[in-house]
N, C-alpha and C. Protein backbone atom coordinates (compact mmCIF):
# COMPACT_ATOMS: atom_id res chain seq x y z
N ALA A 1 48.16 -2.49 -110.61
CA ALA A 1 46.94 -2.97 -110.06
C ALA A 1 46.87 -4.47 -109.84
N ALA A 2 47.31 -5.11 -111.08
CA ALA A 2 47.33 -6.56 -111.09
C ALA A 2 48.21 -7.14 -110.20
N LEU A 3 49.40 -6.52 -110.02
CA LEU A 3 50.44 -7.04 -108.97
C LEU A 3 49.91 -6.81 -107.62
N ALA A 4 49.13 -5.69 -107.25
CA ALA A 4 48.71 -5.44 -106.01
C ALA A 4 47.54 -6.49 -105.76
N ALA A 5 46.85 -6.89 -106.70
CA ALA A 5 45.78 -7.91 -106.49
C ALA A 5 46.39 -9.21 -106.19
N VAL A 6 47.52 -9.64 -106.93
CA VAL A 6 48.17 -10.82 -106.65
C VAL A 6 48.81 -10.81 -105.27
N VAL A 7 49.42 -9.71 -104.82
CA VAL A 7 50.02 -9.68 -103.52
C VAL A 7 48.90 -9.74 -102.49
N ALA A 8 47.82 -9.09 -102.63
CA ALA A 8 46.67 -9.23 -101.71
C ALA A 8 46.18 -10.64 -101.61
N GLY A 9 45.98 -11.26 -102.74
CA GLY A 9 45.42 -12.60 -102.70
C GLY A 9 46.46 -13.58 -102.11
N ALA A 10 47.71 -13.44 -102.27
CA ALA A 10 48.72 -14.23 -101.59
C ALA A 10 48.75 -13.93 -100.10
N GLY A 11 48.57 -12.69 -99.78
CA GLY A 11 48.40 -12.37 -98.23
C GLY A 11 47.25 -13.06 -97.67
N ALA A 12 46.17 -13.06 -98.32
CA ALA A 12 44.95 -13.78 -97.78
C ALA A 12 45.08 -15.15 -97.69
N VAL A 13 45.74 -15.75 -98.62
CA VAL A 13 46.09 -17.17 -98.49
C VAL A 13 47.03 -17.49 -97.26
N VAL A 14 48.02 -16.76 -97.17
CA VAL A 14 48.97 -16.95 -96.02
C VAL A 14 48.20 -16.68 -94.76
N ALA A 15 47.47 -15.64 -94.62
CA ALA A 15 46.71 -15.38 -93.37
C ALA A 15 45.73 -16.59 -93.09
N PHE A 16 45.03 -17.08 -94.03
CA PHE A 16 44.18 -18.21 -93.89
C PHE A 16 45.00 -19.41 -93.28
N LEU A 17 46.22 -19.66 -93.90
CA LEU A 17 46.94 -20.82 -93.48
C LEU A 17 47.61 -20.50 -92.09
N VAL A 18 47.90 -19.46 -91.74
CA VAL A 18 48.48 -19.04 -90.46
C VAL A 18 47.48 -19.30 -89.40
N PHE A 19 46.26 -18.87 -89.67
CA PHE A 19 45.04 -18.96 -88.65
C PHE A 19 44.36 -20.41 -88.71
N ASN A 20 44.64 -21.13 -89.83
CA ASN A 20 43.97 -22.34 -89.96
C ASN A 20 45.05 -23.35 -90.34
N PRO A 21 46.07 -23.58 -89.66
CA PRO A 21 47.15 -24.54 -90.00
C PRO A 21 46.66 -26.09 -90.16
N PHE A 22 45.61 -26.30 -89.42
CA PHE A 22 44.99 -27.66 -89.59
C PHE A 22 44.55 -28.05 -90.96
N PHE A 23 44.04 -26.94 -91.59
CA PHE A 23 43.57 -27.18 -93.00
C PHE A 23 44.62 -27.68 -93.88
N LEU A 24 45.79 -27.06 -93.79
CA LEU A 24 46.92 -27.40 -94.59
C LEU A 24 47.56 -28.69 -94.07
N LEU A 25 47.77 -28.86 -92.79
CA LEU A 25 48.42 -30.11 -92.17
C LEU A 25 47.73 -31.36 -92.37
N ASP A 26 46.41 -31.30 -92.48
CA ASP A 26 45.58 -32.42 -92.58
C ASP A 26 44.37 -32.14 -93.57
N LEU A 27 44.83 -31.92 -94.73
CA LEU A 27 43.92 -31.38 -95.78
C LEU A 27 42.82 -32.36 -95.98
N ARG A 28 43.03 -33.65 -96.09
CA ARG A 28 42.07 -34.75 -96.27
C ARG A 28 40.89 -34.71 -95.22
N THR A 29 41.34 -34.59 -93.87
CA THR A 29 40.41 -34.60 -92.90
C THR A 29 39.53 -33.29 -92.87
N ALA A 30 40.23 -32.22 -93.19
CA ALA A 30 39.51 -30.84 -93.28
C ALA A 30 38.45 -30.89 -94.36
N LEU A 31 38.66 -31.42 -95.53
CA LEU A 31 37.73 -31.47 -96.56
C LEU A 31 36.66 -32.54 -96.33
N HIS A 32 37.03 -33.57 -95.64
CA HIS A 32 36.09 -34.61 -95.18
C HIS A 32 35.10 -33.90 -94.30
N GLN A 33 35.57 -33.10 -93.22
CA GLN A 33 34.67 -32.42 -92.21
C GLN A 33 33.81 -31.43 -92.93
N LEU A 34 34.35 -30.72 -93.80
CA LEU A 34 33.42 -29.76 -94.60
C LEU A 34 32.30 -30.41 -95.33
N ARG A 35 32.72 -31.57 -95.95
CA ARG A 35 31.63 -32.29 -96.62
C ARG A 35 30.61 -33.03 -95.57
N GLY A 36 31.14 -33.46 -94.54
CA GLY A 36 30.30 -34.01 -93.51
C GLY A 36 29.36 -32.98 -92.94
N GLN A 37 29.82 -31.69 -92.71
CA GLN A 37 28.93 -30.68 -92.12
C GLN A 37 27.90 -30.31 -93.18
N ALA A 38 28.25 -30.25 -94.39
CA ALA A 38 27.25 -29.85 -95.50
C ALA A 38 26.24 -30.97 -95.57
N GLU A 39 26.56 -32.28 -95.38
CA GLU A 39 25.60 -33.38 -95.63
C GLU A 39 24.80 -33.37 -94.40
N LEU A 40 25.23 -33.10 -93.22
CA LEU A 40 24.50 -33.16 -91.91
C LEU A 40 23.50 -32.07 -91.93
N ALA A 41 23.98 -30.85 -92.44
CA ALA A 41 23.12 -29.75 -92.40
C ALA A 41 21.93 -30.02 -93.54
N GLY A 42 22.24 -30.68 -94.53
CA GLY A 42 21.32 -30.79 -95.59
C GLY A 42 20.30 -32.09 -95.48
N SER A 43 20.64 -32.92 -94.33
CA SER A 43 19.91 -34.14 -94.27
C SER A 43 18.51 -33.97 -93.63
N GLN A 44 18.22 -32.88 -93.07
CA GLN A 44 16.90 -32.64 -92.59
C GLN A 44 16.33 -31.33 -93.09
N ASP A 45 15.01 -31.39 -93.28
CA ASP A 45 14.37 -30.05 -93.70
C ASP A 45 14.38 -29.12 -92.57
N LYS A 46 14.71 -27.79 -93.00
CA LYS A 46 14.61 -26.76 -92.04
C LYS A 46 13.19 -26.03 -92.32
N PHE A 47 12.28 -25.88 -91.18
CA PHE A 47 11.14 -25.27 -91.23
C PHE A 47 11.40 -23.78 -91.80
N GLY A 48 10.53 -23.38 -92.86
CA GLY A 48 10.70 -22.10 -93.44
C GLY A 48 11.65 -21.97 -94.57
N GLN A 49 12.35 -23.15 -94.83
CA GLN A 49 13.34 -22.90 -96.06
C GLN A 49 12.94 -23.97 -97.16
N GLU A 50 11.79 -24.49 -97.19
CA GLU A 50 11.44 -25.47 -98.12
C GLU A 50 11.40 -24.95 -99.57
N GLN A 51 11.05 -23.58 -99.83
CA GLN A 51 10.89 -23.10 -101.00
C GLN A 51 12.11 -22.16 -101.43
N ASP A 52 12.96 -21.83 -100.47
CA ASP A 52 13.83 -20.89 -100.73
C ASP A 52 15.11 -21.34 -101.55
N THR A 53 15.77 -20.52 -102.24
CA THR A 53 17.15 -20.86 -102.81
C THR A 53 18.16 -20.11 -102.07
N GLY A 54 19.40 -20.54 -101.98
CA GLY A 54 20.35 -19.69 -101.27
C GLY A 54 20.50 -18.29 -101.78
N VAL A 55 20.57 -18.08 -103.02
CA VAL A 55 20.72 -16.73 -103.62
C VAL A 55 19.60 -15.85 -103.08
N LEU A 56 18.29 -16.17 -103.20
CA LEU A 56 17.18 -15.39 -102.72
C LEU A 56 17.20 -15.22 -101.17
N TYR A 57 17.61 -16.40 -100.42
CA TYR A 57 17.62 -16.25 -99.00
C TYR A 57 18.57 -15.17 -98.55
N TYR A 58 19.93 -15.28 -99.05
CA TYR A 58 20.88 -14.29 -98.60
C TYR A 58 20.73 -13.01 -99.11
N VAL A 59 20.28 -12.74 -100.16
CA VAL A 59 19.80 -11.51 -100.69
C VAL A 59 18.70 -10.85 -99.79
N GLU A 60 17.68 -11.57 -99.44
CA GLU A 60 16.80 -11.04 -98.53
C GLU A 60 17.25 -10.80 -97.14
N SER A 61 18.22 -11.70 -96.64
CA SER A 61 18.83 -11.53 -95.31
C SER A 61 19.52 -10.17 -95.18
N LEU A 62 19.97 -9.69 -96.23
CA LEU A 62 20.69 -8.27 -96.12
C LEU A 62 19.69 -7.29 -95.80
N THR A 63 18.44 -7.45 -96.15
CA THR A 63 17.47 -6.30 -95.78
C THR A 63 17.01 -6.38 -94.20
N TRP A 64 17.19 -7.55 -93.65
CA TRP A 64 17.00 -7.60 -92.19
C TRP A 64 18.21 -7.59 -91.46
N GLY A 65 19.40 -8.05 -91.97
CA GLY A 65 20.63 -8.05 -91.36
C GLY A 65 21.30 -6.64 -91.26
N LEU A 66 21.49 -6.00 -92.52
CA LEU A 66 22.04 -4.65 -92.56
C LEU A 66 20.88 -3.58 -92.43
N GLY A 67 19.73 -3.96 -92.98
CA GLY A 67 18.65 -3.01 -92.99
C GLY A 67 18.45 -2.64 -94.52
N TRP A 68 17.25 -2.20 -94.86
CA TRP A 68 16.91 -1.84 -96.18
C TRP A 68 17.86 -0.63 -96.59
N VAL A 69 17.92 0.39 -95.79
CA VAL A 69 18.60 1.66 -96.31
C VAL A 69 20.04 1.23 -96.40
N ALA A 70 20.66 0.68 -95.45
CA ALA A 70 22.12 0.20 -95.64
C ALA A 70 22.40 -0.71 -96.78
N ALA A 71 21.36 -1.61 -96.94
CA ALA A 71 21.61 -2.61 -98.17
C ALA A 71 21.67 -1.70 -99.43
N LEU A 72 20.68 -0.87 -99.56
CA LEU A 72 20.51 0.07 -100.83
C LEU A 72 21.65 0.91 -100.86
N ALA A 73 22.27 1.47 -99.69
CA ALA A 73 23.49 2.33 -99.72
C ALA A 73 24.65 1.41 -100.13
N ALA A 74 24.74 0.18 -99.72
CA ALA A 74 25.80 -0.58 -100.13
C ALA A 74 25.72 -0.83 -101.72
N ALA A 75 24.63 -0.96 -102.31
CA ALA A 75 24.36 -1.14 -103.66
C ALA A 75 24.84 0.03 -104.41
N ALA A 76 24.42 1.22 -103.88
CA ALA A 76 24.83 2.52 -104.45
C ALA A 76 26.37 2.68 -104.42
N GLY A 77 27.00 2.33 -103.21
CA GLY A 77 28.40 2.36 -103.04
C GLY A 77 29.11 1.41 -104.06
N LEU A 78 28.58 0.32 -104.30
CA LEU A 78 29.15 -0.59 -105.39
C LEU A 78 29.13 0.13 -106.71
N VAL A 79 28.16 0.70 -107.05
CA VAL A 79 28.08 1.35 -108.38
C VAL A 79 29.08 2.68 -108.46
N LEU A 80 29.01 3.34 -107.31
CA LEU A 80 29.94 4.58 -107.35
C LEU A 80 31.36 4.23 -107.33
N LEU A 81 31.75 3.17 -106.48
CA LEU A 81 33.10 2.81 -106.53
C LEU A 81 33.54 2.11 -107.82
N ALA A 82 32.66 1.34 -108.45
CA ALA A 82 32.97 0.72 -109.75
C ALA A 82 33.20 1.79 -110.78
N ARG A 83 32.59 3.01 -110.74
CA ARG A 83 32.80 4.10 -111.73
C ARG A 83 34.26 4.76 -111.30
N ARG A 84 34.67 4.69 -110.16
CA ARG A 84 35.79 5.50 -109.84
C ARG A 84 37.17 4.53 -109.58
N ASP A 85 36.98 3.37 -109.12
CA ASP A 85 38.09 2.57 -108.85
C ASP A 85 37.89 1.06 -108.90
N ARG A 86 37.89 0.44 -110.06
CA ARG A 86 37.31 -0.83 -110.10
C ARG A 86 38.36 -1.93 -109.49
N ALA A 87 39.68 -1.60 -109.40
CA ALA A 87 40.67 -2.43 -108.87
C ALA A 87 40.31 -2.53 -107.27
N ARG A 88 40.08 -1.46 -106.67
CA ARG A 88 39.67 -1.44 -105.19
C ARG A 88 38.43 -2.06 -104.98
N LEU A 89 37.43 -1.90 -105.83
CA LEU A 89 36.21 -2.67 -105.69
C LEU A 89 36.44 -4.07 -105.81
N ALA A 90 37.23 -4.60 -106.71
CA ALA A 90 37.45 -6.07 -106.76
C ALA A 90 38.05 -6.56 -105.52
N LEU A 91 39.03 -5.77 -105.03
CA LEU A 91 39.71 -6.30 -103.81
C LEU A 91 38.75 -6.38 -102.68
N LEU A 92 37.80 -5.35 -102.72
CA LEU A 92 36.84 -5.30 -101.58
C LEU A 92 35.86 -6.44 -101.60
N LEU A 93 35.42 -6.74 -102.88
CA LEU A 93 34.40 -7.63 -102.97
C LEU A 93 34.79 -9.11 -103.25
N VAL A 94 36.12 -9.37 -103.46
CA VAL A 94 36.51 -10.88 -103.72
C VAL A 94 35.98 -11.81 -102.65
N PHE A 95 36.16 -11.41 -101.38
CA PHE A 95 35.68 -12.31 -100.31
C PHE A 95 34.22 -12.42 -100.22
N PRO A 96 33.45 -11.26 -100.04
CA PRO A 96 32.10 -11.42 -99.93
C PRO A 96 31.39 -12.16 -101.10
N VAL A 97 31.87 -11.88 -102.29
CA VAL A 97 31.31 -12.60 -103.46
C VAL A 97 31.57 -14.06 -103.41
N ALA A 98 32.82 -14.46 -103.10
CA ALA A 98 33.13 -15.94 -102.95
C ALA A 98 32.37 -16.52 -101.81
N LEU A 99 32.26 -15.90 -100.75
CA LEU A 99 31.32 -16.37 -99.63
C LEU A 99 30.03 -16.56 -100.09
N PHE A 100 29.37 -15.53 -100.66
CA PHE A 100 27.95 -15.58 -101.12
C PHE A 100 27.80 -16.77 -102.11
N ILE A 101 28.64 -16.92 -103.18
CA ILE A 101 28.59 -18.01 -103.99
C ILE A 101 28.51 -19.35 -103.21
N TYR A 102 29.58 -19.54 -102.47
CA TYR A 102 29.69 -20.81 -101.66
C TYR A 102 28.40 -21.17 -100.82
N LEU A 103 27.98 -20.15 -100.06
CA LEU A 103 26.81 -20.17 -99.21
C LEU A 103 25.54 -20.51 -99.97
N SER A 104 25.49 -19.96 -101.17
CA SER A 104 24.18 -20.13 -102.01
C SER A 104 23.97 -21.52 -102.46
N PHE A 105 25.05 -22.26 -102.60
CA PHE A 105 24.86 -23.63 -103.08
C PHE A 105 24.87 -24.69 -102.02
N GLN A 106 24.76 -24.32 -100.71
CA GLN A 106 24.66 -25.22 -99.65
C GLN A 106 23.21 -25.55 -99.50
N SER A 107 22.87 -26.67 -98.93
CA SER A 107 21.48 -27.10 -98.71
C SER A 107 20.67 -26.38 -97.57
N ARG A 108 21.50 -25.88 -96.65
CA ARG A 108 20.89 -25.17 -95.58
C ARG A 108 21.32 -23.76 -95.69
N PHE A 109 20.51 -22.64 -95.17
CA PHE A 109 20.83 -21.38 -95.09
C PHE A 109 20.68 -20.74 -93.79
N PHE A 110 21.65 -20.01 -93.39
CA PHE A 110 21.56 -19.30 -92.00
C PHE A 110 22.03 -18.02 -92.16
N GLY A 111 21.28 -16.94 -91.83
CA GLY A 111 21.77 -15.56 -92.01
C GLY A 111 23.11 -15.26 -91.38
N ARG A 112 23.36 -15.93 -90.23
CA ARG A 112 24.69 -15.50 -89.58
C ARG A 112 25.87 -15.99 -90.38
N TRP A 113 25.68 -16.90 -91.28
CA TRP A 113 26.82 -17.43 -92.12
C TRP A 113 27.28 -16.28 -93.09
N LEU A 114 26.53 -15.37 -93.41
CA LEU A 114 26.83 -14.27 -94.34
C LEU A 114 27.55 -13.10 -93.47
N LEU A 115 27.50 -13.08 -92.06
CA LEU A 115 28.05 -12.10 -91.45
C LEU A 115 29.55 -11.66 -91.77
N PRO A 116 30.39 -12.56 -92.08
CA PRO A 116 31.75 -12.07 -92.39
C PRO A 116 31.73 -11.11 -93.70
N ALA A 117 30.65 -11.19 -94.47
CA ALA A 117 30.70 -10.23 -95.62
C ALA A 117 30.18 -8.88 -95.33
N TYR A 118 29.78 -8.70 -94.07
CA TYR A 118 28.98 -7.33 -93.58
C TYR A 118 30.09 -6.31 -93.56
N PRO A 119 31.26 -6.47 -93.19
CA PRO A 119 32.28 -5.19 -93.06
C PRO A 119 32.48 -4.69 -94.41
N ALA A 120 32.52 -5.51 -95.56
CA ALA A 120 32.68 -4.95 -96.82
C ALA A 120 31.46 -4.31 -97.27
N LEU A 121 30.37 -4.75 -96.95
CA LEU A 121 29.09 -4.17 -97.32
C LEU A 121 28.93 -2.78 -96.63
N ALA A 122 29.29 -2.73 -95.30
CA ALA A 122 29.17 -1.47 -94.50
C ALA A 122 30.14 -0.46 -95.21
N LEU A 123 31.34 -0.95 -95.50
CA LEU A 123 32.30 0.04 -96.20
C LEU A 123 31.71 0.63 -97.35
N LEU A 124 31.00 -0.18 -98.25
CA LEU A 124 30.30 0.34 -99.44
C LEU A 124 29.31 1.26 -99.12
N ALA A 125 28.34 0.98 -98.07
CA ALA A 125 27.29 1.79 -97.62
C ALA A 125 27.96 3.10 -97.20
N GLY A 126 28.95 3.05 -96.38
CA GLY A 126 29.65 4.20 -95.84
C GLY A 126 30.24 5.10 -97.07
N TYR A 127 30.79 4.45 -98.06
CA TYR A 127 31.34 5.17 -99.22
C TYR A 127 30.23 5.93 -99.91
N ALA A 128 29.08 5.33 -100.14
CA ALA A 128 28.03 5.98 -100.72
C ALA A 128 27.48 7.10 -99.88
N THR A 129 27.39 6.99 -98.66
CA THR A 129 27.01 8.07 -97.75
C THR A 129 27.82 9.25 -97.71
N VAL A 130 29.22 8.87 -97.65
CA VAL A 130 30.19 10.10 -97.72
C VAL A 130 30.10 10.73 -99.05
N ARG A 131 30.01 9.96 -100.01
CA ARG A 131 29.83 10.78 -101.45
C ARG A 131 28.49 11.63 -101.45
N ALA A 132 27.43 11.08 -100.94
CA ALA A 132 26.22 12.00 -100.90
C ALA A 132 26.28 13.17 -99.95
N ILE A 133 26.99 12.96 -98.88
CA ILE A 133 27.21 14.10 -98.03
C ILE A 133 28.17 15.19 -98.63
N GLU A 134 29.16 14.69 -99.46
CA GLU A 134 30.01 15.61 -100.29
C GLU A 134 29.19 16.35 -101.24
N LEU A 135 28.30 15.87 -101.85
CA LEU A 135 27.41 16.57 -102.73
C LEU A 135 26.55 17.61 -102.17
N VAL A 136 26.19 17.25 -100.92
CA VAL A 136 25.34 18.32 -100.17
C VAL A 136 26.24 19.37 -99.70
N ARG A 137 27.56 19.06 -99.41
CA ARG A 137 28.56 20.04 -98.96
C ARG A 137 28.80 21.10 -100.09
N VAL A 138 28.93 20.57 -101.15
CA VAL A 138 29.21 21.39 -102.45
C VAL A 138 28.00 22.33 -102.70
N ARG A 139 26.89 21.68 -102.67
CA ARG A 139 25.69 22.54 -103.05
C ARG A 139 25.04 23.49 -102.05
N ALA A 140 25.10 23.04 -100.80
CA ALA A 140 24.55 23.75 -99.73
C ALA A 140 25.33 23.50 -98.39
N ARG A 141 26.44 24.19 -98.16
CA ARG A 141 27.32 23.87 -97.02
C ARG A 141 26.53 23.90 -95.79
N ARG A 142 25.59 24.70 -95.50
CA ARG A 142 24.97 24.83 -94.24
C ARG A 142 23.98 23.58 -93.94
N LEU A 143 23.79 22.81 -95.02
CA LEU A 143 22.95 21.56 -94.77
C LEU A 143 23.88 20.33 -94.50
N GLU A 144 25.17 20.50 -94.51
CA GLU A 144 26.05 19.33 -94.33
C GLU A 144 25.79 18.63 -93.04
N TRP A 145 25.73 19.29 -91.87
CA TRP A 145 25.52 18.53 -90.62
C TRP A 145 24.11 17.88 -90.49
N PRO A 146 23.09 18.61 -90.96
CA PRO A 146 21.78 17.96 -91.01
C PRO A 146 21.86 16.75 -91.83
N ALA A 147 22.50 16.87 -93.00
CA ALA A 147 22.62 15.69 -93.86
C ALA A 147 23.30 14.50 -93.20
N VAL A 148 24.33 14.73 -92.39
CA VAL A 148 25.08 13.64 -91.66
C VAL A 148 24.21 13.15 -90.68
N ALA A 149 23.37 13.94 -89.90
CA ALA A 149 22.46 13.40 -88.96
C ALA A 149 21.33 12.62 -89.65
N ALA A 150 20.66 13.08 -90.75
CA ALA A 150 19.72 12.39 -91.42
C ALA A 150 20.25 11.05 -91.97
N ALA A 151 21.50 11.03 -92.43
CA ALA A 151 22.01 9.81 -92.95
C ALA A 151 22.24 8.78 -91.76
N ALA A 152 22.67 9.24 -90.70
CA ALA A 152 22.89 8.42 -89.57
C ALA A 152 21.56 7.79 -89.09
N VAL A 153 20.57 8.58 -89.03
CA VAL A 153 19.18 8.04 -88.59
C VAL A 153 18.69 7.11 -89.58
N LEU A 154 18.70 7.37 -90.90
CA LEU A 154 18.27 6.57 -91.94
C LEU A 154 19.08 5.24 -92.01
N LEU A 155 20.37 5.33 -91.80
CA LEU A 155 21.06 4.02 -91.77
C LEU A 155 20.90 3.14 -90.62
N LEU A 156 20.65 3.73 -89.52
CA LEU A 156 20.69 3.09 -88.23
C LEU A 156 19.35 2.68 -87.63
N TRP A 157 18.24 3.28 -88.08
CA TRP A 157 16.95 3.20 -87.40
C TRP A 157 16.62 1.67 -87.43
N GLN A 158 16.64 0.89 -88.58
CA GLN A 158 16.19 -0.42 -88.64
C GLN A 158 16.97 -1.39 -87.80
N PRO A 159 18.42 -1.25 -87.81
CA PRO A 159 19.16 -2.18 -86.87
C PRO A 159 18.86 -1.92 -85.45
N ILE A 160 18.88 -0.58 -85.14
CA ILE A 160 18.53 -0.34 -83.78
C ILE A 160 17.12 -0.65 -83.12
N ALA A 161 16.11 -0.60 -84.12
CA ALA A 161 14.86 -1.08 -83.75
C ALA A 161 14.82 -2.61 -83.67
N ALA A 162 15.50 -3.22 -84.54
CA ALA A 162 15.60 -4.71 -84.33
C ALA A 162 16.28 -5.20 -83.06
N ASP A 163 17.38 -4.35 -82.63
CA ASP A 163 18.01 -4.74 -81.35
C ASP A 163 17.12 -4.42 -80.29
N ALA A 164 16.40 -3.34 -80.22
CA ALA A 164 15.43 -2.96 -79.19
C ALA A 164 14.45 -4.09 -79.11
N ARG A 165 13.77 -4.59 -80.20
CA ARG A 165 12.84 -5.64 -80.22
C ARG A 165 13.43 -6.85 -79.56
N SER A 166 14.67 -7.25 -80.01
CA SER A 166 15.34 -8.39 -79.50
C SER A 166 15.55 -8.31 -78.04
N MET A 167 15.97 -7.12 -77.46
CA MET A 167 16.20 -7.07 -76.03
C MET A 167 15.00 -7.07 -75.26
N ALA A 168 13.89 -6.54 -75.89
CA ALA A 168 12.58 -6.56 -75.18
C ALA A 168 12.10 -8.00 -75.03
N VAL A 169 12.36 -8.87 -76.02
CA VAL A 169 11.99 -10.23 -75.85
C VAL A 169 12.87 -10.97 -74.93
N LEU A 170 14.22 -10.74 -75.02
CA LEU A 170 15.10 -11.43 -74.29
C LEU A 170 15.18 -10.93 -72.85
N GLY A 171 14.57 -9.71 -72.56
CA GLY A 171 14.45 -9.26 -71.21
C GLY A 171 13.44 -9.81 -70.37
N LYS A 172 12.51 -10.47 -71.00
CA LYS A 172 11.37 -11.04 -70.33
C LYS A 172 11.76 -12.38 -69.64
N ARG A 173 11.05 -12.62 -68.64
CA ARG A 173 11.25 -13.80 -67.81
C ARG A 173 11.02 -15.05 -68.66
N ASP A 174 11.96 -15.99 -68.65
CA ASP A 174 12.00 -17.15 -69.43
C ASP A 174 10.64 -17.99 -69.02
N THR A 175 9.98 -18.51 -69.94
CA THR A 175 8.84 -19.27 -69.72
C THR A 175 9.13 -20.55 -68.99
N ARG A 176 10.40 -21.09 -69.21
CA ARG A 176 10.77 -22.22 -68.55
C ARG A 176 10.93 -22.10 -67.00
N GLU A 177 11.08 -20.90 -66.66
CA GLU A 177 11.20 -20.56 -65.28
C GLU A 177 9.91 -20.38 -64.58
N MET A 178 8.94 -20.08 -65.38
CA MET A 178 7.57 -19.96 -64.78
C MET A 178 7.01 -21.27 -64.45
C-alpha cells in the first residue's frame, strides 16, 4: 500500500509537470505569479466575505455546490471507506484535502476554486449511496429499485433546482438591453 501511494504520488507530480511545464521551466516566475495573484485578490475587500474564514466558507459552499444531501452522503462515504480501506481513502482525499487547506488560507474565497475537489466528493457520496442500496437489497430485495430512485431524487433535487433557478434568471431579457 505504501509503494502504491508513492507511485501514485510520483504519477501525480509527473502529470502536473507534463501539463504545466512552465512551472518547472521558470519556477521563479511561476511562484512570483502565484504570490502576485494572492496579493491582488487580497488587496480589496469582497462584499459578503468580511467575517468569513476560508474553512467556514468552503465547508458551507459544499452545501450549495454539491447540495446538502450529497455533502452528507460524501461525509458518510468518508466514514464508510475509512472503515473498509484506509489506503484507498487516503489516495482519494490527498488532493481535495491539500486543495482545501491551500484555499482556506487565501485572503479571498470563491466557491468555484473548490470545484476540482468535487469529483472525489461525488465518488464518496456514490460509495455511501451504493452501500446503502446494498443494505436495502439484502433486507428487502423488492425495495431495491425504489431505493435507487429515492436516492437519485434525494441526491439530485437541490442541484437540479439550483440549475433551474439559474436558467430562469439567465433566460430573462438582459436589463442592459431594455
